[in-house]
Amino acid sequence: MLFTVREVDVLRLLCWCQNVKPEDLNKISTETERENLIALGFAKLHERSGTLTITESGKAFLHVLLEGEVPNLAFSYRPELIERRVRLSRVVLTAYYAGINVFTTGASSLSARSSLFLTSVTRNSGRNSWGSARVGAIAHLGNTYYAVHYICPGIGRMAVNDELKAFHNHTNFGVGTNRAFLFAGPTYNDVIEELKIYGEKKDTKLIRYGDVYRGLTSPIHLLSCDETGARQLQIMCVPNYREKLAGLMLKGAYQPPPDDAPAWDGMFNGSPFVVGVDMNLRRIDAAVKFAKKKDCLPILLAALDGQGDAVL
């Protein structure tokens, strides 16, 4: 029997993500194609959660097809775990639509510049090297490694030191490794709404993501799990994308930014030019503040349509 690449990719996504909403797969498969996979016994619908999952027969088929290069994940029907998997599946699908390799089975696979590794793949195999860290994935885009967290209203708290330790241990690729955080959510505004809550003190090492956003010195980028987010990731996969975008957009009118303005990406007719497609809002804020200090407002900001309309 012949299978299309799309059908095989649906099975792979179900294998890696474990629980995926059928409608989230509409861009790469039809309802008929998914029903065929169910009829063959390779996938099934978990009615309580309304998600598609892969069956043991489906896993066995992938093992043969991919020569064993598939994750060995223990399945659980606990509602909170299914909810987490569905959320992370949307991050994975956004990266998949951006052309990023999401079918990785170890952190060593991150050597490719456009790759994403789900931490769940190795959390339950042998010693759990992730500890209590909530990081959902590690992505390698361009020349930077990103700790990917799913953020939405009510997501809870995290222990910063545990996160940093796990992140550094799994991206220990020598001196000069660039690291940053990627806060992903259903929309940019969903992420921002959660980041607005901060300063709630508790006698615990766990803090709100709003406090993390304001306290970490590492770059933090926002990501929407939709078409705009996929385009954002495509751009971030290009090494030195800010410098290249500034040159392409300004062409002959491009002038380099002053040495004392690291948040600017160039100058255009005397105005600061800033690349904001990567949704590093703190960097944009710094660019505006420095422009105000230098009395050269407004800045020129390059962003995608979905970003400008929703946030910027």
C-alpha atoms as a PDB file:
ATOM      1  CA  MET A   1       0.000   0.000   0.000  1.00  0.00           C
ATOM      2  CA  LEU A   2       1.301   3.457  -0.899  1.00  0.00           C
ATOM      3  CA  PHE A   3       1.344   6.327   1.597  1.00  0.00           C
ATOM      4  CA  THR A   4       1.776   9.993   0.805  1.00  0.00           C
ATOM      5  CA  VAL A   5       4.398  12.122   2.539  1.00  0.00           C
ATOM      6  CA  ARG A   6       1.543  14.013   4.188  1.00  0.00           C
ATOM      7  CA  GLU A   7       0.065  10.845   5.680  1.00  0.00           C
ATOM      8  CA  VAL A   8       3.426   9.720   7.009  1.00  0.00           C
ATOM      9  CA  ASP A   9       4.068  13.166   8.487  1.00  0.00           C
ATOM     10  CA  VAL A  10       0.701  13.066  10.264  1.00  0.00           C
ATOM     11  CA  LEU A  11       1.728   9.752  11.847  1.00  0.00           C
ATOM     12  CA  ARG A  12       5.104  11.186  12.817  1.00  0.00           C
ATOM     13  CA  LEU A  13       3.471  14.227  14.403  1.00  0.00           C
ATOM     14  CA  LEU A  14       1.126  11.976  16.366  1.00  0.00           C
ATOM     15  CA  CYS A  15       4.076   9.854  17.472  1.00  0.00           C
ATOM     16  CA  TRP A  16       6.175  12.797  18.657  1.00  0.00           C
ATOM     17  CA  CYS A  17       3.353  14.943  20.100  1.00  0.00           C
ATOM     18  CA  GLN A  18       1.111  12.062  21.319  1.00  0.00           C
ATOM     19  CA  ASN A  19      -2.078  14.168  21.391  1.00  0.00           C
ATOM     20  CA  VAL A  20      -3.042  16.480  18.524  1.00  0.00           C
ATOM     21  CA  LYS A  21      -6.375  18.174  17.818  1.00  0.00           C
ATOM     22  CA  PRO A  22      -7.631  17.016  14.374  1.00  0.00           C
ATOM     23  CA  GLU A  23      -8.360  20.579  13.248  1.00  0.00           C
ATOM     24  CA  ASP A  24      -4.740  21.561  13.952  1.00  0.00           C
ATOM     25  CA  LEU A  25      -3.701  19.166  11.163  1.00  0.00           C
ATOM     26  CA  ASN A  26      -5.963  20.691   8.517  1.00  0.00           C
ATOM     27  CA  LYS A  27      -3.073  22.452   6.765  1.00  0.00           C
ATOM     28  CA  ILE A  28      -1.251  19.211   5.996  1.00  0.00           C
ATOM     29  CA  SER A  29      -4.028  16.631   5.750  1.00  0.00           C
ATOM     30  CA  THR A  30      -7.683  16.219   4.931  1.00  0.00           C
ATOM     31  CA  GLU A  31     -10.301  14.659   7.161  1.00  0.00           C
ATOM     32  CA  THR A  32     -10.521  11.779   4.700  1.00  0.00           C
ATOM     33  CA  GLU A  33      -6.783  11.099   4.936  1.00  0.00           C
ATOM     34  CA  ARG A  34      -6.971  11.029   8.732  1.00  0.00           C
ATOM     35  CA  GLU A  35     -10.000   8.730   8.621  1.00  0.00           C
ATOM     36  CA  ASN A  36      -8.010   6.363   6.374  1.00  0.00           C
ATOM     37  CA  LEU A  37      -5.220   6.205   8.974  1.00  0.00           C
ATOM     38  CA  ILE A  38      -7.831   5.415  11.632  1.00  0.00           C
ATOM     39  CA  ALA A  39      -9.409   2.734   9.416  1.00  0.00           C
ATOM     40  CA  LEU A  40      -5.980   1.111   8.964  1.00  0.00           C
ATOM     41  CA  GLY A  41      -5.550   1.010  12.741  1.00  0.00           C
ATOM     42  CA  PHE A  42      -2.562   3.384  12.701  1.00  0.00           C
ATOM     43  CA  ALA A  43      -4.330   6.216  14.549  1.00  0.00           C
ATOM     44  CA  LYS A  44      -7.355   6.611  16.797  1.00  0.00           C
ATOM     45  CA  LEU A  45      -9.534   9.331  18.243  1.00  0.00           C
ATOM     46  CA  HIS A  46      -9.421   9.792  22.016  1.00  0.00           C
ATOM     47  CA  GLU A  47     -12.999  10.900  22.489  1.00  0.00           C
ATOM     48  CA  ARG A  48     -12.687  12.406  25.972  1.00  0.00           C
ATOM     49  CA  SER A  49     -10.025  14.912  24.884  1.00  0.00           C
ATOM     50  CA  GLY A  50     -11.075  15.121  21.232  1.00  0.00           C
ATOM     51  CA  THR A  51      -7.501  14.429  20.137  1.00  0.00           C
ATOM     52  CA  LEU A  52      -5.876  12.088  17.659  1.00  0.00           C
ATOM     53  CA  THR A  53      -3.270   9.647  18.943  1.00  0.00           C
ATOM     54  CA  ILE A  54      -1.074   7.034  17.335  1.00  0.00           C
ATOM     55  CA  THR A  55      -1.712   3.335  17.963  1.00  0.00           C
ATOM     56  CA  GLU A  56       0.804   0.569  18.620  1.00  0.00           C
ATOM     57  CA  SER A  57       0.334  -0.546  14.999  1.00  0.00           C
ATOM     58  CA  GLY A  58       1.093   2.980  13.856  1.00  0.00           C
ATOM     59  CA  LYS A  59       4.257   3.045  15.975  1.00  0.00           C
ATOM     60  CA  ALA A  60       5.349  -0.331  14.603  1.00  0.00           C
ATOM     61  CA  PHE A  61       4.836   0.939  11.052  1.00  0.00           C
ATOM     62  CA  LEU A  62       6.985   4.029  11.761  1.00  0.00           C
ATOM     63  CA  HIS A  63       9.689   1.886  13.386  1.00  0.00           C
ATOM     64  CA  VAL A  64      10.046  -0.078  10.159  1.00  0.00           C
ATOM     65  CA  LEU A  65       9.730   2.972   7.901  1.00  0.00           C
ATOM     66  CA  LEU A  66      12.172   5.141   9.898  1.00  0.00           C
ATOM     67  CA  GLU A  67      14.480   2.277  10.931  1.00  0.00           C
ATOM     68  CA  GLY A  68      13.824   2.764  14.638  1.00  0.00           C
ATOM     69  CA  GLU A  69      14.453   6.525  14.706  1.00  0.00           C
ATOM     70  CA  VAL A  70      11.299   7.261  16.682  1.00  0.00           C
ATOM     71  CA  PRO A  71      10.788   8.306  20.315  1.00  0.00           C
ATOM     72  CA  ASN A  72       9.784   5.713  22.883  1.00  0.00           C
ATOM     73  CA  LEU A  73       7.186   7.671  24.845  1.00  0.00           C
ATOM     74  CA  ALA A  74       5.048   6.330  27.670  1.00  0.00           C
ATOM     75  CA  PHE A  75       1.409   7.291  27.136  1.00  0.00           C
ATOM     76  CA  SER A  76      -0.820   8.623  29.910  1.00  0.00           C
ATOM     77  CA  TYR A  77      -4.462   9.673  29.829  1.00  0.00           C
ATOM     78  CA  ARG A  78      -4.121  12.177  32.679  1.00  0.00           C
ATOM     79  CA  PRO A  79      -6.038  15.302  31.549  1.00  0.00           C
ATOM     80  CA  GLU A  80      -3.287  17.732  32.587  1.00  0.00           C
ATOM     81  CA  LEU A  81      -0.693  15.817  30.555  1.00  0.00           C
ATOM     82  CA  ILE A  82      -2.944  15.680  27.506  1.00  0.00           C
ATOM     83  CA  GLU A  83      -3.521  19.442  27.787  1.00  0.00           C
ATOM     84  CA  ARG A  84       0.243  20.054  27.936  1.00  0.00           C
ATOM     85  CA  ARG A  85       0.810  17.817  24.903  1.00  0.00           C
ATOM     86  CA  VAL A  86      -1.859  19.598  22.875  1.00  0.00           C
ATOM     87  CA  ARG A  87      -0.301  22.964  23.689  1.00  0.00           C
ATOM     88  CA  LEU A  88       3.171  21.802  22.730  1.00  0.00           C
ATOM     89  CA  SER A  89       1.820  20.148  19.575  1.00  0.00           C
ATOM     90  CA  ARG A  90       0.843  23.628  18.385  1.00  0.00           C
ATOM     91  CA  VAL A  91       4.410  24.821  18.919  1.00  0.00           C
ATOM     92  CA  VAL A  92       5.685  21.792  17.004  1.00  0.00           C
ATOM     93  CA  LEU A  93       3.231  22.379  14.151  1.00  0.00           C
ATOM     94  CA  THR A  94       4.214  26.051  13.926  1.00  0.00           C
ATOM     95  CA  ALA A  95       7.860  24.991  13.618  1.00  0.00           C
ATOM     96  CA  TYR A  96       6.919  22.255  11.130  1.00  0.00           C
ATOM     97  CA  TYR A  97       5.137  24.789   8.897  1.00  0.00           C
ATOM     98  CA  ALA A  98       8.287  26.936   9.066  1.00  0.00           C
ATOM     99  CA  GLY A  99      10.302  24.075   7.555  1.00  0.00           C
ATOM    100  CA  ILE A 100      12.097  23.262  10.809  1.00  0.00           C
ATOM    101  CA  ASN A 101      13.082  19.657  11.554  1.00  0.00           C
ATOM    102  CA  VAL A 102      10.855  18.716  14.502  1.00  0.00           C
ATOM    103  CA  PHE A 103      11.394  14.945  14.238  1.00  0.00           C
ATOM    104  CA  THR A 104      14.483  14.768  16.437  1.00  0.00           C
ATOM    105  CA  THR A 105      15.199  12.064  19.013  1.00  0.00           C
ATOM    106  CA  GLY A 106      18.030  13.605  21.028  1.00  0.00           C
ATOM    107  CA  ALA A 107      19.564  16.937  21.990  1.00  0.00           C
ATOM    108  CA  SER A 108      22.519  16.058  19.756  1.00  0.00           C
ATOM    109  CA  SER A 109      20.164  16.506  16.767  1.00  0.00           C
ATOM    110  CA  LEU A 110      20.173  20.242  17.474  1.00  0.00           C
ATOM    111  CA  SER A 111      23.456  20.611  15.590  1.00  0.00           C
ATOM    112  CA  ALA A 112      21.283  21.431  12.574  1.00  0.00           C
ATOM    113  CA  ARG A 113      20.531  25.159  12.464  1.00  0.00           C
ATOM    114  CA  SER A 114      16.820  24.663  11.875  1.00  0.00           C
ATOM    115  CA  SER A 115      15.745  22.043  14.393  1.00  0.00           C
ATOM    116  CA  LEU A 116      13.530  21.588  17.415  1.00  0.00           C
ATOM    117  CA  PHE A 117      13.776  18.937  20.126  1.00  0.00           C
ATOM    118  CA  LEU A 118      10.848  18.075  22.415  1.00  0.00           C
ATOM    119  CA  THR A 119      12.080  17.530  25.970  1.00  0.00           C
ATOM    120  CA  SER A 120       9.380  14.877  26.514  1.00  0.00           C
ATOM    121  CA  VAL A 121      11.307  12.559  24.184  1.00  0.00           C
ATOM    122  CA  THR A 122      13.979  11.928  26.836  1.00  0.00           C
ATOM    123  CA  ARG A 123      12.209  12.830  30.095  1.00  0.00           C
ATOM    124  CA  ASN A 124      11.092   9.254  30.758  1.00  0.00           C
ATOM    125  CA  SER A 125      14.081   7.347  29.420  1.00  0.00           C
ATOM    126  CA  GLY A 126      16.674   6.504  32.068  1.00  0.00           C
ATOM    127  CA  ARG A 127      17.724   9.337  34.367  1.00  0.00           C
ATOM    128  CA  ASN A 128      15.613  12.443  33.886  1.00  0.00           C
ATOM    129  CA  SER A 129      18.212  15.107  33.115  1.00  0.00           C
ATOM    130  CA  TRP A 130      15.511  17.785  32.856  1.00  0.00           C
ATOM    131  CA  GLY A 131      14.555  17.657  36.538  1.00  0.00           C
ATOM    132  CA  SER A 132      11.557  19.840  37.312  1.00  0.00           C
ATOM    133  CA  ALA A 133      12.249  22.264  34.453  1.00  0.00           C
ATOM    134  CA  ARG A 134       9.088  23.241  32.548  1.00  0.00           C
ATOM    135  CA  VAL A 135      10.848  23.863  29.233  1.00  0.00           C
ATOM    136  CA  GLY A 136       8.836  22.150  26.500  1.00  0.00           C
ATOM    137  CA  ALA A 137      11.428  22.157  23.736  1.00  0.00           C
ATOM    138  CA  ILE A 138      14.861  23.371  22.677  1.00  0.00           C
ATOM    139  CA  ALA A 139      15.127  25.001  19.264  1.00  0.00           C
ATOM    140  CA  HIS A 140      18.214  25.834  17.228  1.00  0.00           C
ATOM    141  CA  LEU A 141      17.450  28.710  14.896  1.00  0.00           C
ATOM    142  CA  GLY A 142      20.187  30.477  12.980  1.00  0.00           C
ATOM    143  CA  ASN A 143      23.085  30.786  15.386  1.00  0.00           C
ATOM    144  CA  THR A 144      21.072  30.749  18.630  1.00  0.00           C
ATOM    145  CA  TYR A 145      19.615  28.065  20.910  1.00  0.00           C
ATOM    146  CA  TYR A 146      16.179  28.806  22.386  1.00  0.00           C
ATOM    147  CA  ALA A 147      14.445  27.359  25.434  1.00  0.00           C
ATOM    148  CA  VAL A 148      10.805  27.111  24.343  1.00  0.00           C
ATOM    149  CA  HIS A 149       8.022  27.604  26.897  1.00  0.00           C
ATOM    150  CA  TYR A 150       4.302  27.603  26.213  1.00  0.00           C
ATOM    151  CA  ILE A 151       2.707  30.649  27.874  1.00  0.00           C
ATOM    152  CA  CYS A 152      -0.984  31.410  28.270  1.00  0.00           C
ATOM    153  CA  PRO A 153      -3.162  32.930  31.003  1.00  0.00           C
ATOM    154  CA  GLY A 154      -3.051  30.764  34.127  1.00  0.00           C
ATOM    155  CA  ILE A 155      -0.002  28.745  33.018  1.00  0.00           C
ATOM    156  CA  GLY A 156       1.497  28.880  36.513  1.00  0.00           C
ATOM    157  CA  ARG A 157       5.041  29.423  37.753  1.00  0.00           C
ATOM    158  CA  MET A 158       8.542  28.205  37.110  1.00  0.00           C
ATOM    159  CA  ALA A 159      11.822  27.863  39.010  1.00  0.00           C
ATOM    160  CA  VAL A 160      14.306  30.035  37.130  1.00  0.00           C
ATOM    161  CA  ASN A 161      17.466  28.338  38.413  1.00  0.00           C
ATOM    162  CA  ASP A 162      16.172  24.894  37.452  1.00  0.00           C
ATOM    163  CA  GLU A 163      15.309  26.174  33.970  1.00  0.00           C
ATOM    164  CA  LEU A 164      18.688  27.797  33.420  1.00  0.00           C
ATOM    165  CA  LYS A 165      20.550  24.724  34.650  1.00  0.00           C
ATOM    166  CA  ALA A 166      18.638  22.344  32.373  1.00  0.00           C
ATOM    167  CA  PHE A 167      18.934  24.714  29.416  1.00  0.00           C
ATOM    168  CA  HIS A 168      22.692  25.169  29.785  1.00  0.00           C
ATOM    169  CA  ASN A 169      23.316  21.454  30.388  1.00  0.00           C
ATOM    170  CA  HIS A 170      21.560  20.512  27.148  1.00  0.00           C
ATOM    171  CA  THR A 171      23.148  23.255  25.043  1.00  0.00           C
ATOM    172  CA  ASN A 172      26.684  22.913  26.359  1.00  0.00           C
ATOM    173  CA  PHE A 173      28.346  23.382  22.983  1.00  0.00           C
ATOM    174  CA  GLY A 174      31.328  25.425  24.095  1.00  0.00           C
ATOM    175  CA  VAL A 175      32.234  29.037  24.697  1.00  0.00           C
ATOM    176  CA  GLY A 176      30.243  31.566  22.716  1.00  0.00           C
ATOM    177  CA  THR A 177      27.005  29.572  22.518  1.00  0.00           C
ATOM    178  CA  ASN A 178      24.147  32.028  21.994  1.00  0.00           C
ATOM    179  CA  ARG A 179      21.098  31.310  24.154  1.00  0.00           C
ATOM    180  CA  ALA A 180      17.675  32.926  24.391  1.00  0.00           C
ATOM    181  CA  PHE A 181      14.103  32.129  25.439  1.00  0.00           C
ATOM    182  CA  LEU A 182      11.047  31.696  23.234  1.00  0.00           C
ATOM    183  CA  PHE A 183       7.703  32.282  24.956  1.00  0.00           C
ATOM    184  CA  ALA A 184       5.067  30.731  22.666  1.00  0.00           C
ATOM    185  CA  GLY A 185       1.299  30.863  22.985  1.00  0.00           C
ATOM    186  CA  PRO A 186      -1.972  30.778  21.027  1.00  0.00           C
ATOM    187  CA  THR A 187      -1.484  34.456  20.104  1.00  0.00           C
ATOM    188  CA  TYR A 188       0.995  37.161  21.009  1.00  0.00           C
ATOM    189  CA  ASN A 189      -1.643  38.830  23.163  1.00  0.00           C
ATOM    190  CA  ASP A 190      -2.298  35.622  25.112  1.00  0.00           C
ATOM    191  CA  VAL A 191       1.386  35.535  26.033  1.00  0.00           C
ATOM    192  CA  ILE A 192       1.423  39.234  26.900  1.00  0.00           C
ATOM    193  CA  GLU A 193      -1.639  38.934  29.163  1.00  0.00           C
ATOM    194  CA  GLU A 194       0.192  36.385  31.323  1.00  0.00           C
ATOM    195  CA  LEU A 195       3.398  38.447  31.329  1.00  0.00           C
ATOM    196  CA  LYS A 196       1.462  41.438  32.700  1.00  0.00           C
ATOM    197  CA  ILE A 197       1.109  39.618  36.049  1.00  0.00           C
ATOM    198  CA  TYR A 198       4.222  39.984  38.192  1.00  0.00           C
ATOM    199  CA  GLY A 199       5.397  40.921  41.673  1.00  0.00           C
ATOM    200  CA  GLU A 200       3.329  38.292  43.492  1.00  0.00           C
ATOM    201  CA  LYS A 201       5.639  37.217  46.297  1.00  0.00           C
ATOM    202  CA  LYS A 202       5.440  33.696  47.744  1.00  0.00           C
ATOM    203  CA  ASP A 203       7.693  31.739  50.073  1.00  0.00           C
ATOM    204  CA  THR A 204       8.867  29.516  47.253  1.00  0.00           C
ATOM    205  CA  LYS A 205      11.424  29.494  44.455  1.00  0.00           C
ATOM    206  CA  LEU A 206       8.571  29.382  41.937  1.00  0.00           C
ATOM    207  CA  ILE A 207       7.758  32.715  40.288  1.00  0.00           C
ATOM    208  CA  ARG A 208       5.338  33.978  37.666  1.00  0.00           C
ATOM    209  CA  TYR A 209       6.433  34.195  34.054  1.00  0.00           C
ATOM    210  CA  GLY A 210       5.904  37.957  34.290  1.00  0.00           C
ATOM    211  CA  ASP A 211       8.684  38.128  36.889  1.00  0.00           C
ATOM    212  CA  VAL A 212      10.862  35.873  34.730  1.00  0.00           C
ATOM    213  CA  TYR A 213      10.303  38.196  31.770  1.00  0.00           C
ATOM    214  CA  ARG A 214      11.421  41.209  33.776  1.00  0.00           C
ATOM    215  CA  GLY A 215      14.263  39.514  35.652  1.00  0.00           C
ATOM    216  CA  LEU A 216      16.141  37.408  33.093  1.00  0.00           C
ATOM    217  CA  THR A 217      18.987  39.081  31.237  1.00  0.00           C
ATOM    218  CA  SER A 218      18.774  36.596  28.345  1.00  0.00           C
ATOM    219  CA  PRO A 219      16.815  37.720  25.256  1.00  0.00           C
ATOM    220  CA  ILE A 220      13.142  36.678  25.351  1.00  0.00           C
ATOM    221  CA  HIS A 221      11.117  36.406  22.140  1.00  0.00           C
ATOM    222  CA  LEU A 222       7.349  35.976  21.849  1.00  0.00           C
ATOM    223  CA  LEU A 223       5.812  33.562  19.339  1.00  0.00           C
ATOM    224  CA  SER A 224       2.225  33.064  18.188  1.00  0.00           C
ATOM    225  CA  CYS A 225       1.321  29.521  17.156  1.00  0.00           C
ATOM    226  CA  ASP A 226      -0.147  30.441  13.777  1.00  0.00           C
ATOM    227  CA  GLU A 227       0.897  31.426  10.255  1.00  0.00           C
ATOM    228  CA  THR A 228       2.506  34.659  11.449  1.00  0.00           C
ATOM    229  CA  GLY A 229       4.542  32.702  13.999  1.00  0.00           C
ATOM    230  CA  ALA A 230       5.662  30.251  11.314  1.00  0.00           C
ATOM    231  CA  ARG A 231       6.907  33.142   9.151  1.00  0.00           C
ATOM    232  CA  GLN A 232       8.670  34.592  12.180  1.00  0.00           C
ATOM    233  CA  LEU A 233      10.501  31.300  12.750  1.00  0.00           C
ATOM    234  CA  GLN A 234      11.486  31.086   9.078  1.00  0.00           C
ATOM    235  CA  ILE A 235      13.219  34.443   9.406  1.00  0.00           C
ATOM    236  CA  MET A 236      14.859  33.556  12.724  1.00  0.00           C
ATOM    237  CA  CYS A 237      16.359  30.445  11.100  1.00  0.00           C
ATOM    238  CA  VAL A 238      18.615  32.680   8.998  1.00  0.00           C
ATOM    239  CA  PRO A 239      21.935  33.473  10.729  1.00  0.00           C
ATOM    240  CA  ASN A 240      22.344  37.215  11.373  1.00  0.00           C
ATOM    241  CA  TYR A 241      18.792  37.819  10.140  1.00  0.00           C
ATOM    242  CA  ARG A 242      18.574  41.347  11.593  1.00  0.00           C
ATOM    243  CA  GLU A 243      21.619  42.594   9.730  1.00  0.00           C
ATOM    244  CA  LYS A 244      20.508  40.918   6.499  1.00  0.00           C
ATOM    245  CA  LEU A 245      16.939  42.223   6.736  1.00  0.00           C
ATOM    246  CA  ALA A 246      18.093  45.760   7.411  1.00  0.00           C
ATOM    247  CA  GLY A 247      20.326  45.669   4.334  1.00  0.00           C
ATOM    248  CA  LEU A 248      17.625  44.139   2.115  1.00  0.00           C
ATOM    249  CA  MET A 249      14.883  46.543   3.185  1.00  0.00           C
ATOM    250  CA  LEU A 250      16.868  49.782   3.228  1.00  0.00           C
ATOM    251  CA  LYS A 251      19.107  48.901   0.261  1.00  0.00           C
ATOM    252  CA  GLY A 252      21.294  51.825  -0.793  1.00  0.00           C
ATOM    253  CA  ALA A 253      19.857  54.085   1.935  1.00  0.00           C
ATOM    254  CA  TYR A 254      21.133  51.798   4.693  1.00  0.00           C
ATOM    255  CA  GLN A 255      23.558  53.265   7.190  1.00  0.00           C
ATOM    256  CA  PRO A 256      25.044  51.322  10.122  1.00  0.00           C
ATOM    257  CA  PRO A 257      23.751  52.147  13.613  1.00  0.00           C
ATOM    258  CA  PRO A 258      25.950  54.021  16.108  1.00  0.00           C
ATOM    259  CA  ASP A 259      28.274  51.859  18.178  1.00  0.00           C
ATOM    260  CA  ASP A 260      26.469  52.873  21.358  1.00  0.00           C
ATOM    261  CA  ALA A 261      23.033  51.748  20.056  1.00  0.00           C
ATOM    262  CA  PRO A 262      23.034  47.897  20.173  1.00  0.00           C
ATOM    263  CA  ALA A 263      19.222  47.778  19.952  1.00  0.00           C
ATOM    264  CA  TRP A 264      19.204  49.572  16.583  1.00  0.00           C
ATOM    265  CA  ASP A 265      19.797  47.678  13.350  1.00  0.00           C
ATOM    266  CA  GLY A 266      20.562  50.603  11.085  1.00  0.00           C
ATOM    267  CA  MET A 267      19.783  54.208  10.177  1.00  0.00           C
ATOM    268  CA  PHE A 268      17.476  55.485   7.445  1.00  0.00           C
ATOM    269  CA  ASN A 269      17.492  59.196   6.612  1.00  0.00           C
ATOM    270  CA  GLY A 270      18.585  59.993  10.150  1.00  0.00           C
ATOM    271  CA  SER A 271      15.979  57.777  11.851  1.00  0.00           C
ATOM    272  CA  PRO A 272      16.751  54.560  13.791  1.00  0.00           C
ATOM    273  CA  PHE A 273      15.714  51.376  11.997  1.00  0.00           C
ATOM    274  CA  VAL A 274      14.817  48.345  14.143  1.00  0.00           C
ATOM    275  CA  VAL A 275      13.992  44.790  13.049  1.00  0.00           C
ATOM    276  CA  GLY A 276      11.106  43.604  15.211  1.00  0.00           C
ATOM    277  CA  VAL A 277       9.994  40.451  13.369  1.00  0.00           C
ATOM    278  CA  ASP A 278      11.604  38.274  16.050  1.00  0.00           C
ATOM    279  CA  MET A 279       9.243  39.794  18.657  1.00  0.00           C
ATOM    280  CA  ASN A 280      11.941  40.609  21.188  1.00  0.00           C
ATOM    281  CA  LEU A 281       9.788  43.338  22.743  1.00  0.00           C
ATOM    282  CA  ARG A 282      12.339  44.259  25.406  1.00  0.00           C
ATOM    283  CA  ARG A 283      14.853  45.034  22.669  1.00  0.00           C
ATOM    284  CA  ILE A 284      12.272  47.201  20.883  1.00  0.00           C
ATOM    285  CA  ASP A 285      11.590  49.035  24.154  1.00  0.00           C
ATOM    286  CA  ALA A 286      15.330  49.621  24.601  1.00  0.00           C
ATOM    287  CA  ALA A 287      15.555  50.947  21.029  1.00  0.00           C
ATOM    288  CA  VAL A 288      12.729  53.423  21.677  1.00  0.00           C
ATOM    289  CA  LYS A 289      14.188  54.590  24.998  1.00  0.00           C
ATOM    290  CA  PHE A 290      17.603  55.204  23.452  1.00  0.00           C
ATOM    291  CA  ALA A 291      16.029  57.052  20.519  1.00  0.00           C
ATOM    292  CA  LYS A 292      14.160  59.243  22.987  1.00  0.00           C
ATOM    293  CA  LYS A 293      17.395  59.917  24.853  1.00  0.00           C
ATOM    294  CA  LYS A 294      19.093  60.883  21.582  1.00  0.00           C
ATOM    295  CA  ASP A 295      16.043  62.969  20.538  1.00  0.00           C
ATOM    296  CA  CYS A 296      15.578  61.083  17.257  1.00  0.00           C
ATOM    297  CA  LEU A 297      12.100  59.625  17.585  1.00  0.00           C
ATOM    298  CA  PRO A 298      10.199  58.046  15.950  1.00  0.00           C
ATOM    299  CA  ILE A 299      11.984  54.821  15.097  1.00  0.00           C
ATOM    300  CA  LEU A 300      11.250  52.811  11.948  1.00  0.00           C
ATOM    301  CA  LEU A 301      10.147  49.299  12.887  1.00  0.00           C
ATOM    302  CA  ALA A 302      10.093  46.289  10.534  1.00  0.00           C
ATOM    303  CA  ALA A 303       7.508  43.667  11.473  1.00  0.00           C
ATOM    304  CA  LEU A 304       5.082  41.189   9.948  1.00  0.00           C
ATOM    305  CA  ASP A 305       1.471  42.247   9.374  1.00  0.00           C
ATOM    306  CA  GLY A 306       0.119  39.982  12.108  1.00  0.00           C
ATOM    307  CA  GLN A 307       2.599  41.368  14.597  1.00  0.00           C
ATOM    308  CA  GLY A 308       1.969  45.028  13.851  1.00  0.00           C
ATOM    309  CA  ASP A 309      -1.798  44.680  13.944  1.00  0.00           C
ATOM    310  CA  ALA A 310      -1.884  42.597  17.109  1.00  0.00           C
ATOM    311  CA  VAL A 311       0.872  44.061  19.253  1.00  0.00           C
ATOM    312  CA  LEU A 312       3.341  46.581  17.891  1.00  0.00           C
END
